Protein backbone atom coordinates (compact mmCIF):
# COMPACT_ATOMS: atom_id res chain seq x y z
CA UNK A 1 40.29 -1.86 35.01
CA UNK A 2 42.24 0.71 32.94
CA UNK A 3 46.04 0.54 32.79
CA UNK A 4 47.79 2.14 35.77
CA UNK A 5 49.29 5.57 35.33
CA UNK A 6 52.99 5.95 36.08
CA UNK A 7 52.18 7.88 39.28
CA UNK A 8 49.59 5.32 40.45
CA UNK A 9 51.93 2.46 39.70
CA UNK A 10 54.82 3.97 41.63
CA UNK A 11 52.52 4.85 44.54
CA UNK A 12 51.35 1.26 44.81
CA UNK A 13 54.94 0.05 44.57
CA UNK A 14 55.95 2.33 47.44
CA UNK A 15 53.12 0.96 49.57
CA UNK A 16 54.00 -2.67 48.89
CA UNK A 17 55.02 -3.98 52.28
CA UNK A 18 53.75 -7.54 52.34
CA UNK A 19 56.39 -10.18 51.58
CA UNK A 20 55.70 -12.91 49.05
CA UNK A 21 54.15 -15.91 50.82
CA UNK A 22 56.70 -18.63 51.38
CA UNK A 23 54.11 -21.38 51.43
CA UNK A 24 51.33 -22.17 49.04
CA UNK A 25 47.84 -20.94 49.77
CA UNK A 26 46.68 -24.37 48.63
CA UNK A 27 48.67 -27.13 50.26
CA UNK A 28 49.10 -30.71 49.18
CA UNK A 29 46.58 -31.77 51.83
CA UNK A 30 43.84 -30.02 49.85
CA UNK A 31 43.39 -32.06 46.66
CA UNK A 32 40.31 -30.18 45.44
CA UNK A 33 40.05 -29.15 41.84
CA UNK A 34 40.38 -25.44 41.20
CA UNK A 35 38.63 -23.51 38.44
CA UNK A 36 39.66 -20.34 36.65
CA UNK A 37 39.01 -18.60 33.38
CA UNK A 38 42.74 -18.33 32.68
CA UNK A 39 45.51 -20.46 34.14
CA UNK A 40 49.02 -19.01 33.82
CA UNK A 41 51.89 -21.41 34.35
CA UNK A 42 54.91 -19.68 35.98
CA UNK A 43 54.93 -16.58 38.13
CA UNK A 44 57.93 -14.93 36.51
CA UNK A 45 57.72 -11.42 35.06
CA UNK A 46 56.00 -12.69 31.91
CA UNK A 47 53.55 -14.78 33.93
CA UNK A 48 52.51 -11.80 36.03
CA UNK A 49 52.20 -9.61 32.94
CA UNK A 50 49.88 -12.19 31.36
CA UNK A 51 47.88 -12.65 34.56
CA UNK A 52 47.36 -8.95 35.20
CA UNK A 53 46.39 -8.33 31.57
CA UNK A 54 43.75 -11.08 31.68
CA UNK A 55 42.47 -9.91 35.06
CA UNK A 56 42.07 -6.35 33.79
CA UNK A 57 39.87 -7.78 31.06
CA UNK A 58 37.59 -9.31 33.69
CA UNK A 59 38.94 -12.88 33.84
CA UNK A 60 39.43 -14.99 36.95
CA UNK A 61 43.12 -15.81 36.87
CA UNK A 62 45.17 -18.43 38.65
CA UNK A 63 48.98 -18.42 38.45
CA UNK A 64 50.93 -21.63 39.11
CA UNK A 65 54.46 -20.96 40.36
CA UNK A 66 56.73 -23.98 41.02
CA UNK A 67 58.95 -22.03 43.43
CA UNK A 68 58.11 -19.93 46.52
CA UNK A 69 58.89 -16.64 44.80
CA UNK A 70 57.52 -14.38 42.09
CA UNK A 71 59.43 -12.61 39.35
CA UNK A 72 61.62 -15.35 37.90
CA UNK A 73 64.91 -13.80 36.86
CA UNK A 74 63.69 -10.26 37.61
CA UNK A 75 63.45 -11.31 41.26
CA UNK A 76 66.35 -13.74 41.02
CA UNK A 77 69.29 -11.48 40.31
CA UNK A 78 68.57 -9.88 36.92
CA UNK A 79 68.21 -6.37 38.27
CA UNK A 80 69.70 -4.41 35.37
CA UNK A 81 67.33 -5.34 32.58
CA UNK A 82 68.45 -5.59 28.95
CA UNK A 83 66.08 -3.54 26.80
CA UNK A 84 67.79 -3.37 23.42
CA UNK A 85 66.36 -0.28 21.72
CA UNK A 86 64.29 1.64 24.27
CA UNK A 87 61.86 2.83 21.59
CA UNK A 88 60.84 -0.80 20.98
CA UNK A 89 59.60 -1.30 24.55
CA UNK A 90 55.96 -0.72 25.38
CA UNK A 91 53.06 -1.96 27.46
CA UNK A 92 53.39 -2.90 31.11
CA UNK A 93 57.06 -3.87 30.85
CA UNK A 94 58.06 -0.22 30.59
CA UNK A 95 56.14 0.59 33.79
CA UNK A 96 57.11 -2.47 35.81
CA UNK A 97 60.81 -2.96 35.09
CA UNK A 98 62.78 -0.21 36.75
CA UNK A 99 66.55 0.23 36.97
CA UNK A 100 67.87 0.18 40.51
CA UNK A 101 65.25 -2.09 42.07
CA UNK A 102 66.58 -4.96 44.15
CA UNK A 103 65.40 -8.55 44.06
CA UNK A 104 63.25 -8.25 47.22
CA UNK A 105 61.60 -5.14 45.78
CA UNK A 106 60.72 -6.94 42.58
CA UNK A 107 59.26 -9.89 44.45
CA UNK A 108 57.14 -7.61 46.66
CA UNK A 109 56.08 -5.57 43.65
CA UNK A 110 54.81 -8.60 41.74
CA UNK A 111 52.99 -9.88 44.83
CA UNK A 112 51.35 -6.48 45.22
CA UNK A 113 50.29 -6.41 41.56
CA UNK A 114 48.73 -9.86 41.88
CA UNK A 115 46.83 -8.84 45.02
CA UNK A 116 45.69 -5.58 43.48
CA UNK A 117 44.15 -7.38 40.49
CA UNK A 118 42.70 -10.33 42.38
CA UNK A 119 45.11 -12.84 40.84
CA UNK A 120 45.44 -16.04 42.87
CA UNK A 121 48.93 -17.54 43.19
CA UNK A 122 49.52 -21.23 43.83
CA UNK A 123 53.13 -21.77 44.93
CA UNK A 124 55.30 -24.86 45.09
CA UNK A 125 53.40 -26.88 42.47
CA UNK A 126 54.56 -27.96 39.02
CA UNK A 127 52.76 -29.49 36.08
CA UNK A 128 52.63 -33.29 36.02
CA UNK A 129 50.12 -34.04 33.25
CA UNK A 130 47.64 -32.43 30.89
CA UNK A 131 44.17 -33.66 29.98
CA UNK A 132 42.81 -32.76 26.57
CA UNK A 133 39.61 -33.30 24.65
CA UNK A 134 40.62 -33.19 21.04
CA UNK A 135 42.79 -30.08 20.71
CA UNK A 136 41.40 -28.46 23.87
CA UNK A 137 43.14 -28.58 27.23
CA UNK A 138 40.48 -29.28 29.85
CA UNK A 139 42.67 -29.52 32.94
CA UNK A 140 46.20 -29.86 34.24
CA UNK A 141 47.33 -31.95 37.19
CA UNK A 142 50.01 -30.58 39.47
CA UNK A 143 52.48 -32.21 41.82
CA UNK A 144 53.34 -30.57 45.12
CA UNK A 145 57.12 -30.07 44.94
CA UNK A 146 58.52 -27.33 47.20
CA UNK A 147 62.11 -26.29 46.42
CA UNK A 148 64.84 -27.14 48.90
CA UNK A 149 66.20 -24.59 51.37
CA UNK A 150 68.64 -23.24 48.76
CA UNK A 151 65.90 -22.66 46.17
CA UNK A 152 66.83 -25.71 44.09
CA UNK A 153 63.97 -27.80 42.62
CA UNK A 154 63.61 -31.18 44.23
CA UNK A 155 63.99 -34.35 42.17
CA UNK A 156 60.80 -36.05 43.37
CA UNK A 157 57.56 -34.33 44.42
CA UNK A 158 56.30 -34.49 47.99
CA UNK A 159 52.79 -35.29 46.80
CA UNK A 160 51.97 -36.68 43.37
CA UNK A 161 48.82 -35.38 41.62
CA UNK A 162 48.10 -32.97 44.45
CA UNK A 163 45.85 -30.53 42.58
CA UNK A 164 43.80 -30.43 39.39
CA UNK A 165 43.29 -27.10 37.64
CA UNK A 166 40.36 -26.56 35.27
CA UNK A 167 40.41 -23.49 33.03
CA UNK A 168 39.14 -22.15 29.72
CA UNK A 169 42.51 -20.79 28.62
CA UNK A 170 46.10 -21.65 29.51
CA UNK A 171 49.23 -19.51 29.14
CA UNK A 172 52.61 -21.22 29.49
CA UNK A 173 55.07 -18.57 30.64
CA UNK A 174 57.63 -20.99 32.04
CA UNK A 175 61.23 -20.77 30.90
CA UNK A 176 61.15 -24.51 30.17
CA UNK A 177 57.86 -24.75 28.23
CA UNK A 178 56.67 -27.71 30.31
CA UNK A 179 52.95 -27.08 29.93
CA UNK A 180 53.41 -26.66 26.19
CA UNK A 181 55.35 -29.92 25.91
CA UNK A 182 52.86 -31.93 27.96
CA UNK A 183 50.05 -30.53 25.79
CA UNK A 184 51.37 -32.26 22.68
CA UNK A 185 52.54 -29.09 20.95
CA UNK A 186 55.47 -29.41 18.55
CA UNK A 187 58.70 -27.95 19.87
CA UNK A 188 62.44 -27.99 19.26
CA UNK A 189 65.53 -27.46 21.39
CA UNK A 190 69.18 -27.09 20.50
CA UNK A 191 70.55 -25.44 17.37
CA UNK A 192 69.00 -25.80 13.94
CA UNK A 193 71.27 -26.17 10.95
CA UNK A 194 72.02 -23.28 8.61
CA UNK A 195 69.80 -24.82 5.97
CA UNK A 196 66.82 -25.40 8.23
CA UNK A 197 65.58 -21.79 8.09
CA UNK A 198 68.22 -20.33 5.79
CA UNK A 199 70.17 -18.64 8.60
CA UNK A 200 73.89 -18.18 8.04
CA UNK A 201 74.50 -17.87 11.80
CA UNK A 202 72.72 -21.09 12.69
CA UNK A 203 74.15 -24.42 13.76
CA UNK A 204 77.59 -25.26 15.08
CA UNK A 205 79.84 -22.21 15.31
CA UNK A 206 83.63 -21.86 15.37
CA UNK A 207 85.22 -22.02 18.83
CA UNK A 208 84.86 -18.87 20.85
CA UNK A 209 88.39 -19.39 22.16
CA UNK A 210 90.97 -22.20 22.37
CA UNK A 211 93.23 -22.41 25.42
CA UNK A 212 96.67 -23.98 25.43
CA UNK A 213 95.75 -26.36 28.27
CA UNK A 214 96.30 -30.10 28.10
CA UNK A 215 92.79 -31.59 28.46
CA UNK A 216 93.76 -35.06 29.65
CA UNK A 217 94.16 -36.45 33.15
CA UNK A 218 97.52 -37.83 32.11
CA UNK A 219 99.00 -35.02 29.99
CA UNK A 220 99.35 -35.97 26.36
CA UNK A 221 97.53 -39.29 26.77
CA UNK A 222 93.87 -39.37 25.64
CA UNK A 223 93.59 -42.96 26.93
CA UNK A 224 93.64 -41.67 30.53
CA UNK A 225 90.42 -39.72 30.06
CA UNK A 226 89.47 -36.07 30.15
CA UNK A 227 89.97 -33.69 33.03
CA UNK A 228 86.96 -33.06 35.27
CA UNK A 229 84.49 -30.45 33.97
CA UNK A 230 85.32 -31.16 30.31
CA UNK A 231 82.69 -32.82 28.13
CA UNK A 232 83.40 -35.70 25.80
CA UNK A 233 82.15 -33.73 22.83
CA UNK A 234 83.20 -33.48 19.20
CA UNK A 235 81.53 -30.58 17.37
CA UNK A 236 79.91 -31.33 14.05
CA UNK A 237 80.68 -29.41 10.85
CA UNK A 238 80.22 -25.65 10.99
CA UNK A 239 76.55 -24.89 10.37
CA UNK A 240 75.25 -28.34 11.31
CA UNK A 241 72.49 -28.91 13.87
CA UNK A 242 72.99 -30.27 17.36
CA UNK A 243 71.12 -30.60 20.66
CA UNK A 244 73.34 -28.33 22.75
CA UNK A 245 71.99 -25.33 24.63
CA UNK A 246 73.79 -22.12 25.49
CA UNK A 247 75.22 -21.89 29.01
CA UNK A 248 73.05 -21.17 32.03
CA UNK A 249 74.18 -19.62 35.30
CA UNK A 250 73.10 -17.48 38.23
CA UNK A 251 73.15 -13.76 38.93
CA UNK A 252 75.07 -14.06 42.20
CA UNK A 253 75.17 -11.15 44.67
CA UNK A 254 78.48 -10.80 46.51
CA UNK A 255 79.51 -8.37 49.19
CA UNK A 256 82.45 -7.36 51.40
CA UNK A 257 80.16 -6.58 54.32
CA UNK A 258 81.07 -8.27 57.61
CA UNK A 259 77.49 -9.50 57.93
CA UNK A 260 77.80 -11.49 54.71
CA UNK A 261 76.53 -15.01 54.31
CA UNK A 262 79.64 -17.21 53.92
CA UNK A 263 80.25 -19.32 50.85
CA UNK A 264 81.12 -22.74 52.22
CA UNK A 265 82.84 -25.49 50.20
CA UNK A 266 80.80 -28.57 49.26
CA UNK A 267 81.05 -31.56 51.57
CA UNK A 268 82.66 -33.64 48.83
CA UNK A 269 85.16 -30.97 47.75
CA UNK A 270 87.89 -32.47 45.58
CA UNK A 271 90.72 -30.14 44.50
CA UNK A 272 91.39 -32.24 41.39
CA UNK A 273 87.94 -31.25 40.11
CA UNK A 274 89.52 -27.87 39.32
CA UNK A 275 92.75 -29.17 37.77
CA UNK A 276 91.94 -27.43 34.49
CA UNK A 277 92.22 -24.05 36.26
CA UNK A 278 95.38 -25.07 38.08
CA UNK A 279 97.04 -25.83 34.74
CA UNK A 280 95.84 -22.53 33.30
CA UNK A 281 97.10 -20.54 36.28
CA UNK A 282 100.43 -22.39 36.30
CA UNK A 283 100.97 -21.46 32.65
CA UNK A 284 99.82 -17.89 33.37
CA UNK A 285 97.38 -18.01 30.48
CA UNK A 286 95.04 -15.20 29.58
CA UNK A 287 91.68 -16.83 30.30
CA UNK A 288 89.51 -14.17 28.73
CA UNK A 289 87.13 -15.12 25.95
CA UNK A 290 87.41 -13.56 22.48
CA UNK A 291 85.60 -10.20 22.26
CA UNK A 292 84.20 -10.70 25.76
CA UNK A 293 84.43 -8.82 29.02
CA UNK A 294 87.70 -9.22 30.84
CA UNK A 295 87.66 -11.32 33.98
CA UNK A 296 87.15 -9.14 37.02
CA UNK A 297 86.04 -6.00 35.16
CA UNK A 298 82.36 -6.43 35.98
CA UNK A 299 81.56 -4.56 39.17
CA UNK A 300 78.70 -6.05 41.16
CA UNK A 301 76.14 -3.43 42.06
CA UNK A 302 75.58 -4.77 45.56
CA UNK A 303 78.90 -4.53 47.31
CA UNK A 304 81.03 -3.20 44.48
CA UNK A 305 83.57 -6.00 44.54
CA UNK A 306 85.44 -7.53 41.65
CA UNK A 307 85.15 -11.27 41.79
CA UNK A 308 85.47 -14.14 39.30
CA UNK A 309 82.04 -15.13 38.13
CA UNK A 310 80.39 -11.97 39.46
CA UNK A 311 77.08 -11.43 37.76
CA UNK A 312 77.12 -13.67 34.71
CA UNK A 313 79.15 -11.70 32.21
CA UNK A 314 82.28 -13.83 31.87
CA UNK A 315 82.27 -15.84 28.64
CA UNK A 316 85.61 -17.41 29.30
CA UNK A 317 87.18 -20.48 30.82
CA UNK A 318 86.70 -19.19 34.35
CA UNK A 319 83.04 -18.26 34.56
CA UNK A 320 80.06 -18.76 36.88
CA UNK A 321 79.22 -21.98 35.08
CA UNK A 322 80.76 -24.88 33.19
CA UNK A 323 79.61 -24.41 29.62
CA UNK A 324 77.94 -27.57 28.41
CA UNK A 325 76.85 -28.83 31.82
CA UNK A 326 73.20 -27.89 31.16
CA UNK A 327 72.76 -29.64 27.78
CA UNK A 328 70.26 -32.13 29.25
CA UNK A 329 68.14 -29.49 30.99
CA UNK A 330 65.63 -28.28 28.32
CA UNK A 331 63.95 -31.64 27.71
CA UNK A 332 65.02 -33.29 30.97
CA UNK A 333 62.88 -34.62 33.79
CA UNK A 334 63.00 -33.06 37.24
CA UNK A 335 65.63 -35.43 38.66
CA UNK A 336 67.94 -34.37 35.81
CA UNK A 337 67.12 -30.70 36.16
CA UNK A 338 67.59 -30.79 39.93
CA UNK A 339 71.01 -32.36 39.42
CA UNK A 340 72.04 -29.65 36.94
CA UNK A 341 70.69 -26.87 39.15
CA UNK A 342 72.58 -28.22 42.18
CA UNK A 343 75.73 -28.64 40.08
CA UNK A 344 75.78 -24.91 39.44
CA UNK A 345 75.57 -24.21 43.16
CA UNK A 346 78.24 -26.73 44.07
CA UNK A 347 80.53 -25.50 41.30
CA UNK A 348 80.58 -21.96 42.67
CA UNK A 349 81.13 -23.26 46.20
CA UNK A 350 83.98 -25.45 45.00
CA UNK A 351 85.78 -22.96 42.80
CA UNK A 352 85.55 -20.27 45.48
CA UNK A 353 87.25 -22.63 47.95
CA UNK A 354 89.81 -23.62 45.30
CA UNK A 355 90.73 -19.98 44.65
CA UNK A 356 91.07 -19.38 48.37
CA UNK A 357 93.49 -22.20 49.14
CA UNK A 358 95.21 -23.44 46.01
CA UNK A 359 98.81 -22.23 45.57
CA UNK A 360 98.32 -21.83 41.81
CA UNK A 361 95.57 -19.21 42.15
CA UNK A 362 96.71 -15.69 41.25
CA UNK A 363 97.00 -13.46 44.31
CA UNK A 364 94.37 -11.01 43.07
CA UNK A 365 91.79 -13.77 42.66
CA UNK A 366 92.80 -15.34 45.96
CA UNK A 367 92.29 -12.04 47.78
CA UNK A 368 88.83 -11.58 46.30
CA UNK A 369 87.76 -15.14 47.00
CA UNK A 370 88.94 -14.91 50.61
CA UNK A 371 86.78 -11.90 51.43
CA UNK A 372 83.75 -12.55 49.21
CA UNK A 373 80.42 -13.67 50.62
CA UNK A 374 76.77 -13.48 49.69
CA UNK A 375 74.88 -10.24 50.24
CA UNK A 376 72.46 -10.95 53.12
CA UNK A 377 70.00 -8.37 51.82
CA UNK A 378 69.13 -10.26 48.65
CA UNK A 379 68.37 -13.94 49.16
CA UNK A 380 68.14 -14.39 52.92
CA UNK A 381 65.56 -17.15 52.70
CA UNK A 382 67.83 -19.32 50.53
CA UNK A 383 71.11 -18.83 52.40
CA UNK A 384 72.31 -16.31 49.82
CA UNK A 385 71.69 -18.40 46.72
CA UNK A 386 69.51 -16.95 43.94
CA UNK A 387 66.27 -18.89 43.71
CA UNK A 388 66.18 -18.81 39.91
CA UNK A 389 68.64 -20.48 37.55
CA UNK A 390 69.25 -18.25 34.52
CA UNK A 391 67.69 -20.42 31.82
CA UNK A 392 68.60 -18.41 28.77
CA UNK A 393 66.84 -20.79 26.39
CA UNK A 394 65.14 -24.16 26.61
CA UNK A 395 62.39 -25.49 24.36
CA UNK A 396 61.01 -23.46 21.48
CA UNK A 397 57.55 -23.99 20.03
CA UNK A 398 57.18 -24.63 16.30
CA UNK A 399 53.96 -23.02 15.02
CA UNK A 400 52.66 -21.50 11.81
CA UNK A 401 55.17 -18.62 12.04
CA UNK A 402 58.74 -19.15 13.20
CA UNK A 403 60.67 -15.96 13.94
CA UNK A 404 64.13 -16.28 12.38
CA UNK A 405 67.26 -14.34 11.49
CA UNK A 406 65.38 -12.94 8.49
CA UNK A 407 63.04 -11.10 10.88
CA UNK A 408 66.01 -9.67 12.77
CA UNK A 409 67.52 -8.46 9.51
CA UNK A 410 64.38 -6.54 8.57
CA UNK A 411 63.50 -8.78 5.63
CA UNK A 412 59.97 -9.56 6.87
CA UNK A 413 56.93 -7.51 7.81
CA UNK A 414 54.29 -9.71 9.48
CA UNK A 415 50.85 -8.11 9.63
CA UNK A 416 49.83 -9.49 13.03
CA UNK A 417 52.43 -7.89 15.29
CA UNK A 418 51.89 -8.18 19.04
CA UNK A 419 55.20 -6.61 20.06
CA UNK A 420 58.69 -5.62 19.06
CA UNK A 421 62.17 -6.92 19.82
CA UNK A 422 65.52 -5.34 19.10
CA UNK A 423 68.40 -7.11 20.83
CA UNK A 424 71.36 -8.44 18.90
CA UNK A 425 72.64 -12.00 18.67
CA UNK A 426 73.48 -12.72 22.31
CA UNK A 427 74.76 -16.28 22.28
CA UNK A 428 76.73 -18.14 24.97
CA UNK A 429 79.17 -21.06 24.68
CA UNK A 430 77.77 -24.60 24.39
CA UNK A 431 80.53 -26.88 25.59
CA UNK A 432 83.96 -26.98 27.17
CA UNK A 433 85.81 -29.76 25.35
CA UNK A 434 89.11 -31.07 24.04
CA UNK A 435 90.21 -29.89 20.60
CA UNK A 436 93.52 -30.96 19.07
CA UNK A 437 95.11 -31.48 22.47
CA UNK A 438 93.85 -28.16 23.86
CA UNK A 439 90.70 -26.88 25.58
CA UNK A 440 88.03 -25.08 23.56
CA UNK A 441 84.79 -23.27 24.23
CA UNK A 442 82.29 -24.16 21.51
CA UNK A 443 80.47 -21.23 19.95
CA UNK A 444 79.04 -18.20 21.67
CA UNK A 445 79.16 -14.61 20.49
CA UNK A 446 77.52 -11.23 20.85
CA UNK A 447 76.93 -9.00 17.87
CA UNK A 448 74.63 -6.25 16.62
CA UNK A 449 76.06 -6.56 13.12
CA UNK A 450 73.25 -8.71 11.80
CA UNK A 451 70.44 -6.24 12.50
CA UNK A 452 69.00 -4.03 9.78
CA UNK A 453 69.93 -0.34 9.71
CA UNK A 454 66.64 1.10 8.48
CA UNK A 455 64.77 0.10 11.63
CA UNK A 456 67.79 0.16 13.98
CA UNK A 457 67.45 -3.56 14.58
CA UNK A 458 63.82 -3.39 15.69
CA UNK A 459 61.62 -6.18 14.35
CA UNK A 460 58.07 -7.46 14.77
CA UNK A 461 56.94 -10.59 16.59
CA UNK A 462 53.63 -11.86 15.19
CA UNK A 463 50.64 -13.28 17.03
CA UNK A 464 51.09 -16.56 15.14
CA UNK A 465 54.41 -17.13 16.94
CA UNK A 466 52.78 -17.25 20.40
CA UNK A 467 49.95 -19.61 19.42
CA UNK A 468 50.36 -23.29 18.46
CA UNK A 469 48.95 -24.93 15.38
CA UNK A 470 45.20 -25.09 15.89
CA UNK A 471 45.19 -28.83 15.24
CA UNK A 472 47.57 -29.32 18.19
CA UNK A 473 46.02 -27.04 20.80
CA UNK A 474 43.35 -24.38 20.53
CA UNK A 475 43.36 -22.85 24.03
CA UNK A 476 47.06 -22.35 24.80
CA UNK A 477 49.45 -19.42 24.47
CA UNK A 478 53.24 -19.76 24.62
CA UNK A 479 54.84 -16.30 24.89
CA UNK A 480 58.19 -17.30 26.46
CA UNK A 481 59.12 -20.51 24.64
CA UNK A 482 57.58 -18.94 21.56
CA UNK A 483 57.94 -20.09 17.98
CA UNK A 484 61.44 -18.97 17.03
CA UNK A 485 64.67 -20.37 15.73
CA UNK A 486 67.62 -20.59 18.06
CA UNK A 487 69.26 -17.56 16.44
CA UNK A 488 66.11 -15.47 16.87
CA UNK A 489 65.73 -16.64 20.47
CA UNK A 490 69.20 -15.30 21.32
CA UNK A 491 67.62 -11.89 20.72
CA UNK A 492 64.01 -12.44 21.84
CA UNK A 493 65.06 -13.91 25.20
CA UNK A 494 64.94 -10.62 27.11
CA UNK A 495 62.50 -10.20 30.00
CA UNK A 496 60.82 -7.06 28.54
CA UNK A 497 60.12 -8.89 25.27
CA UNK A 498 58.70 -11.94 27.04
CA UNK A 499 56.53 -9.63 29.16
CA UNK A 500 55.28 -7.89 26.03
CA UNK A 501 54.29 -11.18 24.40
CA UNK A 502 52.74 -12.41 27.65
CA UNK A 503 50.63 -9.28 28.05
CA UNK A 504 49.30 -9.80 24.53
CA UNK A 505 48.54 -13.41 25.47
CA UNK A 506 46.53 -12.35 28.51
CA UNK A 507 44.43 -9.88 26.53
CA UNK A 508 43.91 -12.35 23.68
CA UNK A 509 42.93 -15.11 26.14
CA UNK A 510 40.10 -12.96 27.46
CA UNK A 511 38.95 -12.23 23.91
CA UNK A 512 38.98 -15.93 23.01
CA UNK A 513 36.83 -16.71 26.05
CA UNK A 514 34.33 -13.94 25.37
CA UNK A 515 34.03 -14.89 21.68
CA UNK A 516 34.20 -18.63 22.42
CA UNK A 517 36.79 -19.19 19.71
CA UNK A 518 40.13 -20.93 19.39
CA UNK A 519 43.10 -18.72 20.19
CA UNK A 520 44.15 -18.92 16.55
CA UNK A 521 40.83 -17.30 15.56
CA UNK A 522 40.91 -14.24 17.81
CA UNK A 523 40.05 -11.15 15.76
CA UNK A 524 43.42 -9.49 15.24
CA UNK A 525 42.18 -5.95 14.43
CA UNK A 526 40.25 -5.97 17.73
CA UNK A 527 43.28 -7.36 19.57
CA UNK A 528 45.49 -4.70 18.00
CA UNK A 529 43.18 -1.96 19.26
CA UNK A 530 43.33 -3.33 22.80
CA UNK A 531 47.11 -3.68 22.67
CA UNK A 532 47.55 -0.09 21.49
CA UNK A 533 45.23 1.11 24.25
CA UNK A 534 47.46 -0.71 26.72
CA UNK A 535 50.51 1.13 25.44
CA UNK A 536 51.95 -1.60 23.23
CA UNK A 537 54.27 -0.74 20.36
CA UNK A 538 53.53 -2.77 17.25
CA UNK A 539 55.15 -0.93 14.35
CA UNK A 540 58.83 -0.39 13.69
CA UNK A 541 59.91 3.26 13.91
CA UNK A 542 61.70 3.94 10.64
CA UNK A 543 64.70 6.25 10.74
CA UNK A 544 66.30 8.27 7.98
CA UNK A 545 69.37 6.63 6.45
């Protein structure tokens, strides 16, 4: 099937009226094996881009989505998409991602695209194990694990080994890289050192900001322990490696509407859990992070209110997350991930209640907290909570080509480009910890200064970075947790880029099947022709200096 024209695509979007199924078409009671040409793991925007691309090439495609919803972050609150340089965007991402769409529209749109192209979706299942013969994945076994009523993953599955999926090709589009990891492919998480790939931005960074707040339960006495929410963390030398991961969060949707969904405090609410904020408010400190958006300046599109933690744009002490609380998520099991996910929900519930009732809270914040509630038009089926945690970065594959800061700086020119990226270094803090008797946020910065001028920061991402080493796995693509350093991933990690790499994966998967070759041996000139026909942009547009 040829690519959709802009008019055809928008017509189909306007006709999309069927909601995303809230239950799996294949329930745990049906343990039959399923067979497909291509199995895509994760029904986020990248997963659907990969699935549709493979289906257009004539493949039978099955998408495994652990939640009950499609779209990932594009249906979970990330409405205003970060593109970087618009001239770098191509392929289906340009047609699919539209400014102004709401989360329900995105979810319906992806469901409509899947139906249009005959893509089967299996909801509420997650990968449990992978069976391989040599370097070839033959099947994956899935557990039936429906999320809870707030969209949070559950710690233990309802049914273990509920379904077996057999396929010729597999594409791991998950934010976590779980299929990749269980397939025995080499990966990394955390921050590499400066020396690892020769990146001067890599490794431990200076504090983003240091606040004059006593970090100890008993002021001035480290023996009494740290305040709640602080981590017992001592950063290594600047430039050294560690296993921390930039902060996660949610794209919350607040409103002033009287029909709002209320934000209730957690059952175990403890005001002392927020003592760090009480001390900051009492001292009337400026809580804004260095070179970051000022607290309260971000106006939420749905409702137009100013509220602490609105969206996810506050890189400061008071933010929609506790920086450092997700360090165990990338390589964690589901009990650990469920705990972290639920912590984010409970934190927002708790701090909202704290701002409403605590005498130390500034009046402006108190007023906003008192009237804020969830927008009932966005996440009705999860009581107002976004169904997708914003996992900015998790595991990263290590293959024959690792995209690094050198690529971002225009110092490389790989000959097997499958897409372009162009965003700057968009890093988030890694920990909230004690430092010399004060409270510090470790690392985190945003900058376009490190991108080359000749190509306006646009750089190539090669085919080798979305395919593993052939000796490790010969029928797997990894377009989301692709082969990149941490510094490069701070730029790559934009939904349009992941969609671009996923679309290339879907087309290449069909070619590997038809030629009966390992994914590493797909004929690149032929792939390039198909990508260009699909509207991909593979070469950097040079500009006059």
